[in-house]
N, C-alpha and C. Protein backbone atom coordinates (compact mmCIF):
# COMPACT_ATOMS: atom_id res chain seq x y z
N MET A 1 -166.61 41.68 12.47
CA MET A 1 -166.08 41.98 13.78
C MET A 1 -167.22 41.97 14.81
N ALA A 2 -168.37 42.49 14.42
CA ALA A 2 -169.50 42.50 15.35
C ALA A 2 -169.94 41.08 15.68
N ALA A 3 -169.94 40.20 14.67
CA ALA A 3 -170.33 38.80 14.92
C ALA A 3 -169.36 38.13 15.87
N ALA A 4 -168.07 38.43 15.75
CA ALA A 4 -167.07 37.86 16.67
C ALA A 4 -167.30 38.40 18.08
N LEU A 5 -167.60 39.68 18.19
CA LEU A 5 -167.85 40.28 19.50
C LEU A 5 -169.08 39.64 20.15
N GLU A 6 -170.11 39.37 19.35
CA GLU A 6 -171.30 38.69 19.87
C GLU A 6 -170.95 37.30 20.41
N GLN A 7 -169.90 36.69 19.86
CA GLN A 7 -169.45 35.37 20.30
C GLN A 7 -168.52 35.47 21.51
N GLY A 8 -168.25 36.70 21.97
CA GLY A 8 -167.43 36.88 23.16
C GLY A 8 -165.96 37.13 22.91
N CYS A 9 -165.60 37.45 21.68
CA CYS A 9 -164.19 37.68 21.35
C CYS A 9 -164.06 39.03 20.66
N ASP A 10 -163.36 39.95 21.29
CA ASP A 10 -163.14 41.28 20.73
C ASP A 10 -161.88 41.22 19.87
N LEU A 11 -162.07 41.28 18.56
CA LEU A 11 -160.95 41.17 17.63
C LEU A 11 -160.57 42.52 17.07
N GLN A 12 -159.28 42.67 16.79
CA GLN A 12 -158.81 43.87 16.10
C GLN A 12 -158.33 43.48 14.71
N LEU A 13 -158.50 44.37 13.79
CA LEU A 13 -158.15 44.18 12.40
C LEU A 13 -156.89 44.98 12.12
N SER A 14 -155.91 44.38 11.45
CA SER A 14 -154.71 45.12 11.06
C SER A 14 -154.26 44.65 9.69
N GLU A 15 -153.36 45.38 9.11
CA GLU A 15 -152.79 45.05 7.81
C GLU A 15 -153.87 44.79 6.77
N ARG A 16 -154.93 45.61 6.82
CA ARG A 16 -156.05 45.45 5.88
C ARG A 16 -155.63 45.91 4.50
N GLU A 17 -155.97 45.09 3.51
CA GLU A 17 -155.74 45.42 2.11
C GLU A 17 -156.98 45.03 1.33
N SER A 18 -157.20 45.67 0.19
CA SER A 18 -158.36 45.30 -0.62
C SER A 18 -158.12 45.62 -2.07
N GLY A 19 -158.93 44.98 -2.91
CA GLY A 19 -158.89 45.21 -4.34
C GLY A 19 -160.30 45.21 -4.88
N GLY A 20 -160.45 45.02 -6.17
CA GLY A 20 -161.75 45.08 -6.81
C GLY A 20 -162.78 44.11 -6.27
N SER A 21 -162.37 42.90 -5.95
CA SER A 21 -163.33 41.91 -5.47
C SER A 21 -162.80 41.11 -4.29
N TRP A 22 -161.87 41.68 -3.55
CA TRP A 22 -161.29 40.96 -2.41
C TRP A 22 -160.91 41.92 -1.29
N VAL A 23 -160.78 41.35 -0.11
CA VAL A 23 -160.29 42.08 1.06
C VAL A 23 -159.52 41.09 1.92
N SER A 24 -158.46 41.55 2.58
CA SER A 24 -157.71 40.67 3.47
C SER A 24 -157.26 41.47 4.69
N ALA A 25 -157.00 40.74 5.78
CA ALA A 25 -156.55 41.39 7.01
C ALA A 25 -156.01 40.34 7.97
N VAL A 26 -155.26 40.82 8.94
CA VAL A 26 -154.81 39.99 10.05
C VAL A 26 -155.79 40.23 11.19
N LEU A 27 -156.23 39.16 11.84
CA LEU A 27 -157.16 39.26 12.96
C LEU A 27 -156.46 38.82 14.24
N ASP A 28 -156.55 39.64 15.26
CA ASP A 28 -155.99 39.33 16.58
C ASP A 28 -156.97 39.78 17.64
N ARG A 29 -156.83 39.21 18.82
CA ARG A 29 -157.60 39.70 19.96
C ARG A 29 -157.14 41.13 20.28
N VAL A 30 -158.08 41.96 20.71
CA VAL A 30 -157.75 43.33 21.10
C VAL A 30 -156.69 43.28 22.20
N GLY A 31 -155.65 44.08 22.04
CA GLY A 31 -154.58 44.14 23.03
C GLY A 31 -153.43 43.19 22.76
N GLU A 32 -153.60 42.25 21.83
CA GLU A 32 -152.53 41.30 21.50
C GLU A 32 -151.60 41.90 20.45
N THR A 33 -150.41 41.34 20.34
CA THR A 33 -149.45 41.75 19.33
C THR A 33 -150.02 41.47 17.95
N VAL A 34 -149.82 42.40 17.02
CA VAL A 34 -150.30 42.21 15.65
C VAL A 34 -149.67 40.95 15.07
N GLY A 35 -150.50 40.06 14.58
CA GLY A 35 -150.04 38.80 14.02
C GLY A 35 -149.88 37.69 15.04
N GLY A 36 -150.10 37.99 16.30
CA GLY A 36 -149.90 37.01 17.37
C GLY A 36 -150.87 35.86 17.36
N SER A 37 -152.07 36.07 16.82
CA SER A 37 -153.07 34.99 16.79
C SER A 37 -152.77 33.98 15.70
N GLY A 38 -151.99 34.39 14.71
CA GLY A 38 -151.71 33.51 13.59
C GLY A 38 -152.87 33.34 12.64
N CYS A 39 -153.80 34.29 12.63
CA CYS A 39 -155.02 34.16 11.81
C CYS A 39 -155.10 35.31 10.80
N HIS A 40 -155.01 34.96 9.53
CA HIS A 40 -155.12 35.91 8.44
C HIS A 40 -156.35 35.52 7.64
N ILE A 41 -157.22 36.49 7.35
CA ILE A 41 -158.46 36.21 6.61
C ILE A 41 -158.42 36.91 5.27
N GLU A 42 -158.92 36.22 4.25
CA GLU A 42 -159.06 36.77 2.92
C GLU A 42 -160.45 36.42 2.42
N ILE A 43 -161.13 37.39 1.84
CA ILE A 43 -162.45 37.15 1.28
C ILE A 43 -162.43 37.59 -0.18
N HIS A 44 -162.77 36.66 -1.07
CA HIS A 44 -162.88 36.94 -2.50
C HIS A 44 -164.33 36.71 -2.88
N ALA A 45 -164.90 37.62 -3.67
CA ALA A 45 -166.30 37.47 -4.06
C ALA A 45 -166.49 37.79 -5.54
N GLN A 46 -167.34 37.00 -6.18
CA GLN A 46 -167.79 37.24 -7.54
C GLN A 46 -166.67 37.68 -8.47
N SER A 47 -165.65 36.83 -8.59
CA SER A 47 -164.53 37.15 -9.46
C SER A 47 -164.10 35.90 -10.22
N PRO A 48 -163.31 36.07 -11.28
CA PRO A 48 -162.79 34.90 -11.99
C PRO A 48 -161.96 33.98 -11.08
N LEU A 49 -161.27 34.55 -10.11
CA LEU A 49 -160.49 33.74 -9.17
C LEU A 49 -161.41 32.81 -8.38
N VAL A 50 -162.52 33.34 -7.88
CA VAL A 50 -163.48 32.53 -7.12
C VAL A 50 -164.03 31.42 -8.01
N THR A 51 -164.41 31.76 -9.22
CA THR A 51 -164.94 30.77 -10.15
C THR A 51 -163.93 29.65 -10.37
N ALA A 52 -162.66 30.00 -10.57
CA ALA A 52 -161.61 29.00 -10.79
C ALA A 52 -161.37 28.16 -9.54
N MET A 53 -161.34 28.79 -8.37
CA MET A 53 -161.11 28.06 -7.13
C MET A 53 -162.23 27.05 -6.88
N ILE A 54 -163.45 27.45 -7.13
CA ILE A 54 -164.59 26.56 -6.93
C ILE A 54 -164.59 25.43 -7.96
N ALA A 55 -164.29 25.76 -9.21
CA ALA A 55 -164.25 24.74 -10.26
C ALA A 55 -163.20 23.68 -9.97
N ASP A 56 -162.08 24.08 -9.36
CA ASP A 56 -161.00 23.13 -9.05
C ASP A 56 -161.44 22.03 -8.09
N VAL A 57 -162.39 22.32 -7.22
CA VAL A 57 -162.76 21.35 -6.18
C VAL A 57 -164.22 20.90 -6.25
N ALA A 58 -165.00 21.47 -7.15
CA ALA A 58 -166.44 21.22 -7.17
C ALA A 58 -166.80 19.74 -7.34
N ASP A 59 -166.05 19.03 -8.15
CA ASP A 59 -166.38 17.63 -8.41
C ASP A 59 -166.10 16.72 -7.22
N THR A 60 -165.30 17.18 -6.27
CA THR A 60 -164.98 16.34 -5.11
C THR A 60 -165.81 16.68 -3.88
N GLU A 61 -166.62 17.72 -3.96
CA GLU A 61 -167.46 18.11 -2.82
C GLU A 61 -168.72 17.25 -2.83
N PRO A 62 -168.93 16.46 -1.78
CA PRO A 62 -169.98 15.44 -1.80
C PRO A 62 -171.42 15.95 -1.86
N THR A 63 -171.72 17.15 -1.35
CA THR A 63 -173.11 17.61 -1.31
C THR A 63 -173.53 18.37 -2.56
N GLY A 64 -172.57 18.87 -3.32
CA GLY A 64 -172.87 19.68 -4.50
C GLY A 64 -173.17 21.13 -4.19
N ARG A 65 -173.20 21.49 -2.89
CA ARG A 65 -173.54 22.87 -2.51
C ARG A 65 -172.51 23.89 -3.00
N ILE A 66 -171.27 23.47 -3.14
CA ILE A 66 -170.22 24.42 -3.49
C ILE A 66 -170.41 24.99 -4.90
N LYS A 67 -171.09 24.26 -5.75
CA LYS A 67 -171.28 24.72 -7.13
C LYS A 67 -172.07 26.02 -7.22
N SER A 68 -172.85 26.35 -6.20
CA SER A 68 -173.62 27.60 -6.21
C SER A 68 -172.91 28.73 -5.48
N ALA A 69 -171.70 28.48 -5.00
CA ALA A 69 -170.96 29.51 -4.24
C ALA A 69 -170.49 30.64 -5.15
N ASN A 70 -170.45 31.85 -4.60
CA ASN A 70 -169.93 32.99 -5.34
C ASN A 70 -168.89 33.76 -4.54
N ALA A 71 -168.42 33.15 -3.45
CA ALA A 71 -167.39 33.78 -2.62
C ALA A 71 -166.54 32.70 -1.96
N VAL A 72 -165.31 33.07 -1.65
CA VAL A 72 -164.39 32.18 -0.95
C VAL A 72 -163.79 32.95 0.22
N VAL A 73 -163.90 32.38 1.41
CA VAL A 73 -163.27 32.94 2.61
C VAL A 73 -162.11 32.01 2.96
N THR A 74 -160.91 32.57 3.01
CA THR A 74 -159.72 31.78 3.30
C THR A 74 -159.15 32.21 4.63
N LEU A 75 -158.98 31.25 5.54
CA LEU A 75 -158.27 31.50 6.79
C LEU A 75 -156.90 30.86 6.66
N THR A 76 -155.86 31.66 6.76
CA THR A 76 -154.50 31.16 6.72
C THR A 76 -153.95 31.23 8.13
N LEU A 77 -153.52 30.10 8.65
CA LEU A 77 -153.01 30.02 10.02
C LEU A 77 -151.49 29.94 9.96
N THR A 78 -150.83 30.84 10.69
CA THR A 78 -149.37 30.92 10.62
C THR A 78 -148.77 30.96 12.02
N GLY A 79 -147.48 30.74 12.08
CA GLY A 79 -146.76 30.86 13.34
C GLY A 79 -146.79 29.58 14.15
N SER A 80 -146.06 29.60 15.23
CA SER A 80 -145.96 28.40 16.07
C SER A 80 -147.04 28.36 17.14
N LYS A 81 -147.71 29.49 17.38
CA LYS A 81 -148.74 29.54 18.42
C LYS A 81 -150.01 30.16 17.86
N VAL A 82 -150.81 29.35 17.20
CA VAL A 82 -152.09 29.82 16.67
C VAL A 82 -153.07 29.94 17.82
N ASP A 83 -153.79 31.05 17.88
CA ASP A 83 -154.82 31.24 18.90
C ASP A 83 -156.09 30.54 18.41
N TRP A 84 -156.23 29.26 18.76
CA TRP A 84 -157.34 28.45 18.25
C TRP A 84 -158.69 28.96 18.72
N SER A 85 -158.74 29.59 19.87
CA SER A 85 -160.04 30.14 20.30
C SER A 85 -160.45 31.29 19.38
N ALA A 86 -159.50 32.10 18.93
CA ALA A 86 -159.81 33.17 17.98
C ALA A 86 -160.23 32.58 16.63
N VAL A 87 -159.55 31.52 16.20
CA VAL A 87 -159.91 30.86 14.95
C VAL A 87 -161.34 30.31 15.03
N ARG A 88 -161.68 29.68 16.15
CA ARG A 88 -163.04 29.16 16.33
C ARG A 88 -164.07 30.28 16.27
N ILE A 89 -163.75 31.42 16.89
CA ILE A 89 -164.67 32.56 16.88
C ILE A 89 -164.85 33.09 15.46
N VAL A 90 -163.75 33.21 14.70
CA VAL A 90 -163.84 33.68 13.32
C VAL A 90 -164.68 32.69 12.50
N TRP A 91 -164.46 31.39 12.71
CA TRP A 91 -165.25 30.36 12.01
C TRP A 91 -166.73 30.49 12.35
N SER A 92 -167.04 30.62 13.62
CA SER A 92 -168.44 30.75 14.05
C SER A 92 -169.07 32.02 13.50
N ALA A 93 -168.30 33.11 13.48
CA ALA A 93 -168.82 34.37 12.95
C ALA A 93 -169.12 34.23 11.46
N ALA A 94 -168.22 33.60 10.71
CA ALA A 94 -168.45 33.39 9.28
C ALA A 94 -169.69 32.52 9.06
N LYS A 95 -169.83 31.46 9.88
CA LYS A 95 -171.01 30.59 9.76
C LYS A 95 -172.30 31.33 10.06
N SER A 96 -172.23 32.35 10.92
CA SER A 96 -173.44 33.10 11.24
C SER A 96 -173.84 34.04 10.09
N LEU A 97 -172.89 34.33 9.20
CA LEU A 97 -173.15 35.24 8.09
C LEU A 97 -173.49 34.52 6.78
N TRP A 98 -172.87 33.36 6.55
CA TRP A 98 -173.00 32.67 5.27
C TRP A 98 -173.18 31.18 5.47
N THR A 99 -173.73 30.52 4.45
CA THR A 99 -173.73 29.06 4.40
C THR A 99 -172.34 28.65 3.95
N LEU A 100 -171.68 27.81 4.73
CA LEU A 100 -170.28 27.48 4.46
C LEU A 100 -170.11 26.03 4.03
N VAL A 101 -169.09 25.83 3.21
CA VAL A 101 -168.60 24.51 2.87
C VAL A 101 -167.11 24.53 3.21
N ALA A 102 -166.74 23.86 4.28
CA ALA A 102 -165.34 23.89 4.73
C ALA A 102 -164.46 23.05 3.82
N TYR A 103 -163.25 23.56 3.55
CA TYR A 103 -162.28 22.86 2.71
C TYR A 103 -160.89 23.18 3.22
N ASP A 104 -160.03 22.18 3.20
CA ASP A 104 -158.64 22.35 3.62
C ASP A 104 -157.75 21.70 2.55
N ASP A 105 -156.64 22.35 2.22
CA ASP A 105 -155.75 21.81 1.18
C ASP A 105 -155.28 20.40 1.51
N GLY A 106 -155.10 20.09 2.78
CA GLY A 106 -154.62 18.77 3.19
C GLY A 106 -155.73 17.76 3.36
N SER A 107 -156.84 18.17 3.95
CA SER A 107 -157.93 17.24 4.29
C SER A 107 -159.07 17.25 3.28
N GLY A 108 -159.04 18.17 2.35
CA GLY A 108 -160.16 18.29 1.41
C GLY A 108 -161.41 18.71 2.14
N PHE A 109 -162.52 18.05 1.85
CA PHE A 109 -163.79 18.39 2.48
C PHE A 109 -164.02 17.63 3.77
N ASP A 110 -163.06 16.78 4.16
CA ASP A 110 -163.17 16.02 5.40
C ASP A 110 -162.63 16.84 6.56
N ILE A 111 -163.25 17.99 6.80
CA ILE A 111 -162.81 18.91 7.85
C ILE A 111 -164.04 19.54 8.48
N ASP A 112 -163.98 19.74 9.76
CA ASP A 112 -165.07 20.40 10.47
C ASP A 112 -164.47 21.22 11.60
N LEU A 113 -164.43 22.52 11.42
CA LEU A 113 -163.83 23.37 12.45
C LEU A 113 -164.66 23.41 13.71
N ASP A 114 -165.90 22.90 13.67
CA ASP A 114 -166.70 22.83 14.89
C ASP A 114 -166.08 21.86 15.89
N GLU A 115 -165.21 20.98 15.42
CA GLU A 115 -164.57 19.99 16.29
C GLU A 115 -163.32 20.52 16.98
N LEU A 116 -162.88 21.71 16.66
CA LEU A 116 -161.66 22.26 17.26
C LEU A 116 -161.82 22.47 18.75
């Protein structure tokens, strides 16, 4: 949240849930309706699920960097009006914290959220 604020976007967290090696929440701009941004974030770290998710796509990732990953950050975009500026801020904030390898179920590794 602090990294997003540094990028000029004050986000609020709602519907937060967590388990042994994961956390999820809905992210919206402060003052907006909960779920209005259409941005849901999930972070899984150091778990069998992460290992399986990475193994499923590792052979198709061209740089090989994904093979050393131990966490997966998933942004799920929902609704008819996604707040793309909030999505860009969340993407930039994640990039400021970790080395990222972007992946999309439809586009595979041929995706770059910097182009949004």
